[in-house]
Amino acid sequence: MKYEILARGHRLEAIGAHSGYRIRMSTLACGDLVTWPLSVHIRGSESEDEVHVDVPKRQLSSAIEAFDFGYECATLWIDALDHRRD
């Protein structure tokens, strides 16, 4: 599985990893939303601050669709960052 989903009050949070980076995504835990707002953050280690990943606006129809899209955006961001360091 790419990420694990956790319920935190009125939020759903998904935690995953890619290339040594931790990915944290969050959205609202509400089943009757028309679209799902999404926040994506990454960090390389526990001692580093999280970095916000800008996610393009998109009509997302479920929490799973939002998390899949957020994970894809985060992995592209991480791969681009790693490529710049080479």
N, C-alpha and C. Protein backbone atom coordinates (compact mmCIF):
# COMPACT_ATOMS: atom_id res chain seq x y z
N MET A 1 0.83 -1.17 0.00
CA MET A 1 0.00 0.00 0.00
C MET A 1 0.89 1.25 0.00
N LYS A 2 0.49 2.26 -0.75
CA LYS A 2 1.28 3.48 -0.88
C LYS A 2 1.23 4.33 0.38
N TYR A 3 0.11 4.28 1.09
CA TYR A 3 -0.05 5.12 2.27
C TYR A 3 -1.07 4.48 3.22
N GLU A 4 -1.03 4.92 4.47
CA GLU A 4 -1.96 4.44 5.49
C GLU A 4 -2.88 5.61 5.85
N ILE A 5 -4.19 5.35 5.94
CA ILE A 5 -5.16 6.39 6.24
C ILE A 5 -5.54 6.33 7.72
N LEU A 6 -5.54 7.51 8.35
CA LEU A 6 -5.89 7.65 9.76
C LEU A 6 -6.98 8.69 9.90
N ALA A 7 -7.95 8.45 10.76
CA ALA A 7 -8.99 9.44 11.06
C ALA A 7 -8.54 10.26 12.26
N ARG A 8 -8.58 11.58 12.10
CA ARG A 8 -8.19 12.50 13.18
C ARG A 8 -9.26 13.56 13.34
N GLY A 9 -10.31 13.24 14.09
CA GLY A 9 -11.41 14.18 14.27
C GLY A 9 -12.14 14.43 12.97
N HIS A 10 -12.19 15.69 12.56
CA HIS A 10 -12.87 16.07 11.32
C HIS A 10 -11.97 15.94 10.09
N ARG A 11 -10.79 15.38 10.27
CA ARG A 11 -9.85 15.23 9.16
C ARG A 11 -9.53 13.76 8.93
N LEU A 12 -9.22 13.47 7.68
CA LEU A 12 -8.60 12.20 7.32
C LEU A 12 -7.17 12.53 6.97
N GLU A 13 -6.24 11.72 7.43
CA GLU A 13 -4.84 11.95 7.13
C GLU A 13 -4.26 10.67 6.55
N ALA A 14 -3.41 10.81 5.56
CA ALA A 14 -2.74 9.66 4.95
C ALA A 14 -1.24 9.88 5.07
N ILE A 15 -0.54 8.85 5.53
CA ILE A 15 0.91 8.91 5.69
C ILE A 15 1.52 7.86 4.77
N GLY A 16 2.47 8.30 3.95
CA GLY A 16 3.16 7.40 3.04
C GLY A 16 4.62 7.77 2.94
N ALA A 17 5.33 7.13 2.05
CA ALA A 17 6.75 7.41 1.86
C ALA A 17 7.13 7.19 0.41
N HIS A 18 8.22 7.87 0.01
CA HIS A 18 8.77 7.70 -1.34
C HIS A 18 10.22 8.18 -1.32
N SER A 19 11.14 7.35 -1.76
CA SER A 19 12.57 7.69 -1.88
C SER A 19 13.14 8.29 -0.60
N GLY A 20 12.73 7.76 0.55
CA GLY A 20 13.27 8.23 1.82
C GLY A 20 12.56 9.45 2.38
N TYR A 21 11.57 9.97 1.69
CA TYR A 21 10.80 11.11 2.18
C TYR A 21 9.48 10.62 2.76
N ARG A 22 9.01 11.31 3.79
CA ARG A 22 7.70 11.02 4.36
C ARG A 22 6.69 11.95 3.71
N ILE A 23 5.55 11.41 3.33
CA ILE A 23 4.48 12.18 2.70
C ILE A 23 3.29 12.18 3.65
N ARG A 24 2.78 13.39 3.97
CA ARG A 24 1.59 13.51 4.81
C ARG A 24 0.54 14.29 4.04
N MET A 25 -0.63 13.69 3.89
CA MET A 25 -1.73 14.33 3.16
C MET A 25 -2.93 14.40 4.09
N SER A 26 -3.74 15.44 3.93
CA SER A 26 -4.96 15.51 4.73
C SER A 26 -6.10 16.09 3.92
N THR A 27 -7.31 15.66 4.30
CA THR A 27 -8.55 16.14 3.71
C THR A 27 -9.61 16.08 4.80
N LEU A 28 -10.82 16.46 4.49
CA LEU A 28 -11.91 16.44 5.47
C LEU A 28 -12.53 15.05 5.54
N ALA A 29 -12.98 14.67 6.72
CA ALA A 29 -13.65 13.39 6.93
C ALA A 29 -15.15 13.61 6.89
N CYS A 30 -15.67 13.83 5.70
CA CYS A 30 -17.10 14.11 5.54
C CYS A 30 -17.56 13.43 4.25
N GLY A 31 -18.53 12.56 4.34
CA GLY A 31 -18.95 11.76 3.20
C GLY A 31 -19.81 12.47 2.17
N ASP A 32 -20.32 13.67 2.47
CA ASP A 32 -21.24 14.31 1.54
C ASP A 32 -20.63 15.52 0.83
N LEU A 33 -19.33 15.55 0.67
CA LEU A 33 -18.67 16.66 -0.02
C LEU A 33 -18.79 16.51 -1.53
N VAL A 34 -18.90 17.62 -2.22
CA VAL A 34 -18.91 17.61 -3.69
C VAL A 34 -17.48 17.46 -4.19
N THR A 35 -16.55 18.11 -3.53
CA THR A 35 -15.13 17.99 -3.87
C THR A 35 -14.35 17.88 -2.57
N TRP A 36 -13.18 17.31 -2.62
CA TRP A 36 -12.39 17.04 -1.43
C TRP A 36 -11.16 17.94 -1.40
N PRO A 37 -11.07 18.88 -0.44
CA PRO A 37 -9.88 19.72 -0.33
C PRO A 37 -8.69 18.86 0.09
N LEU A 38 -7.51 19.20 -0.39
CA LEU A 38 -6.34 18.36 -0.15
C LEU A 38 -5.15 19.21 0.23
N SER A 39 -4.43 18.78 1.25
CA SER A 39 -3.18 19.41 1.67
C SER A 39 -2.10 18.33 1.65
N VAL A 40 -0.93 18.66 1.07
CA VAL A 40 0.16 17.69 0.94
C VAL A 40 1.45 18.31 1.48
N HIS A 41 2.14 17.55 2.34
CA HIS A 41 3.41 18.00 2.91
C HIS A 41 4.40 16.84 2.84
N ILE A 42 5.69 17.17 2.69
CA ILE A 42 6.73 16.15 2.71
C ILE A 42 7.85 16.60 3.63
N ARG A 43 8.67 15.63 4.05
CA ARG A 43 9.93 15.96 4.73
C ARG A 43 10.88 14.79 4.59
N GLY A 44 12.16 15.14 4.60
CA GLY A 44 13.19 14.14 4.39
C GLY A 44 13.54 13.36 5.64
N SER A 45 13.48 14.02 6.81
CA SER A 45 13.77 13.34 8.07
C SER A 45 12.98 14.01 9.19
N GLU A 46 12.95 13.35 10.33
CA GLU A 46 12.20 13.88 11.47
C GLU A 46 12.77 15.21 11.97
N SER A 47 14.05 15.46 11.72
CA SER A 47 14.66 16.71 12.18
C SER A 47 14.40 17.89 11.23
N GLU A 48 13.87 17.61 10.05
CA GLU A 48 13.57 18.67 9.08
C GLU A 48 12.13 19.13 9.21
N ASP A 49 11.89 20.39 8.85
CA ASP A 49 10.52 20.90 8.80
C ASP A 49 9.81 20.32 7.59
N GLU A 50 8.50 20.21 7.69
CA GLU A 50 7.71 19.78 6.55
C GLU A 50 7.68 20.88 5.50
N VAL A 51 7.62 20.46 4.25
CA VAL A 51 7.53 21.39 3.12
C VAL A 51 6.17 21.18 2.46
N HIS A 52 5.45 22.26 2.25
CA HIS A 52 4.15 22.19 1.58
C HIS A 52 4.36 21.95 0.09
N VAL A 53 3.63 21.00 -0.46
CA VAL A 53 3.66 20.72 -1.90
C VAL A 53 2.42 21.34 -2.53
N ASP A 54 2.62 22.25 -3.48
CA ASP A 54 1.48 22.83 -4.19
C ASP A 54 0.83 21.76 -5.06
N VAL A 55 -0.47 21.62 -4.89
CA VAL A 55 -1.24 20.63 -5.65
C VAL A 55 -2.18 21.39 -6.57
N PRO A 56 -2.17 21.07 -7.87
CA PRO A 56 -3.10 21.75 -8.79
C PRO A 56 -4.55 21.54 -8.36
N LYS A 57 -5.37 22.54 -8.60
CA LYS A 57 -6.80 22.42 -8.28
C LYS A 57 -7.42 21.38 -9.20
N ARG A 58 -8.18 20.49 -8.61
CA ARG A 58 -8.82 19.42 -9.37
C ARG A 58 -10.09 18.99 -8.65
N GLN A 59 -11.10 18.65 -9.40
CA GLN A 59 -12.36 18.14 -8.83
C GLN A 59 -12.11 16.70 -8.40
N LEU A 60 -12.06 16.46 -7.11
CA LEU A 60 -11.79 15.14 -6.56
C LEU A 60 -13.06 14.61 -5.92
N SER A 61 -13.47 13.40 -6.28
CA SER A 61 -14.79 12.91 -5.89
C SER A 61 -14.81 12.03 -4.65
N SER A 62 -13.65 11.72 -4.07
CA SER A 62 -13.61 10.91 -2.85
C SER A 62 -12.29 11.14 -2.14
N ALA A 63 -12.23 10.72 -0.89
CA ALA A 63 -10.99 10.84 -0.14
C ALA A 63 -9.88 10.01 -0.78
N ILE A 64 -10.20 8.82 -1.23
CA ILE A 64 -9.20 7.95 -1.87
C ILE A 64 -8.67 8.59 -3.14
N GLU A 65 -9.55 9.16 -3.95
CA GLU A 65 -9.11 9.84 -5.17
C GLU A 65 -8.22 11.03 -4.81
N ALA A 66 -8.57 11.76 -3.77
CA ALA A 66 -7.76 12.90 -3.33
C ALA A 66 -6.38 12.42 -2.87
N PHE A 67 -6.33 11.36 -2.07
CA PHE A 67 -5.05 10.86 -1.58
C PHE A 67 -4.20 10.29 -2.71
N ASP A 68 -4.81 9.58 -3.64
CA ASP A 68 -4.05 9.06 -4.80
C ASP A 68 -3.45 10.20 -5.61
N PHE A 69 -4.23 11.25 -5.84
CA PHE A 69 -3.75 12.42 -6.58
C PHE A 69 -2.65 13.13 -5.79
N GLY A 70 -2.84 13.30 -4.50
CA GLY A 70 -1.83 13.94 -3.66
C GLY A 70 -0.54 13.16 -3.62
N TYR A 71 -0.64 11.84 -3.54
CA TYR A 71 0.55 10.99 -3.53
C TYR A 71 1.30 11.12 -4.85
N GLU A 72 0.58 11.13 -5.95
CA GLU A 72 1.21 11.29 -7.27
C GLU A 72 1.93 12.63 -7.36
N CYS A 73 1.29 13.70 -6.91
CA CYS A 73 1.92 15.03 -6.93
C CYS A 73 3.17 15.05 -6.06
N ALA A 74 3.09 14.45 -4.87
CA ALA A 74 4.23 14.43 -3.96
C ALA A 74 5.41 13.64 -4.53
N THR A 75 5.14 12.49 -5.14
CA THR A 75 6.24 11.70 -5.71
C THR A 75 6.89 12.42 -6.89
N LEU A 76 6.09 13.10 -7.70
CA LEU A 76 6.67 13.90 -8.79
C LEU A 76 7.55 15.01 -8.24
N TRP A 77 7.10 15.67 -7.18
CA TRP A 77 7.86 16.75 -6.54
C TRP A 77 9.18 16.22 -5.99
N ILE A 78 9.12 15.07 -5.29
CA ILE A 78 10.32 14.45 -4.71
C ILE A 78 11.29 14.05 -5.81
N ASP A 79 10.79 13.40 -6.86
CA ASP A 79 11.67 12.97 -7.96
C ASP A 79 12.33 14.17 -8.64
N ALA A 80 11.60 15.26 -8.81
CA ALA A 80 12.18 16.48 -9.40
C ALA A 80 13.24 17.07 -8.47
N LEU A 81 13.00 17.06 -7.17
CA LEU A 81 13.97 17.57 -6.20
C LEU A 81 15.23 16.72 -6.22
N ASP A 82 15.09 15.41 -6.22
CA ASP A 82 16.24 14.51 -6.26
C ASP A 82 17.02 14.68 -7.56
N HIS A 83 16.32 14.92 -8.67
CA HIS A 83 16.98 15.11 -9.97
C HIS A 83 17.83 16.39 -9.95
N ARG A 84 17.34 17.45 -9.33
CA ARG A 84 18.08 18.72 -9.27
C ARG A 84 19.34 18.57 -8.45
N ARG A 85 19.37 17.65 -7.49
CA ARG A 85 20.54 17.46 -6.61
C ARG A 85 21.64 16.66 -7.29
N ASP A 86 21.32 15.95 -8.36
CA ASP A 86 22.33 15.12 -9.04
C ASP A 86 23.38 15.94 -9.75
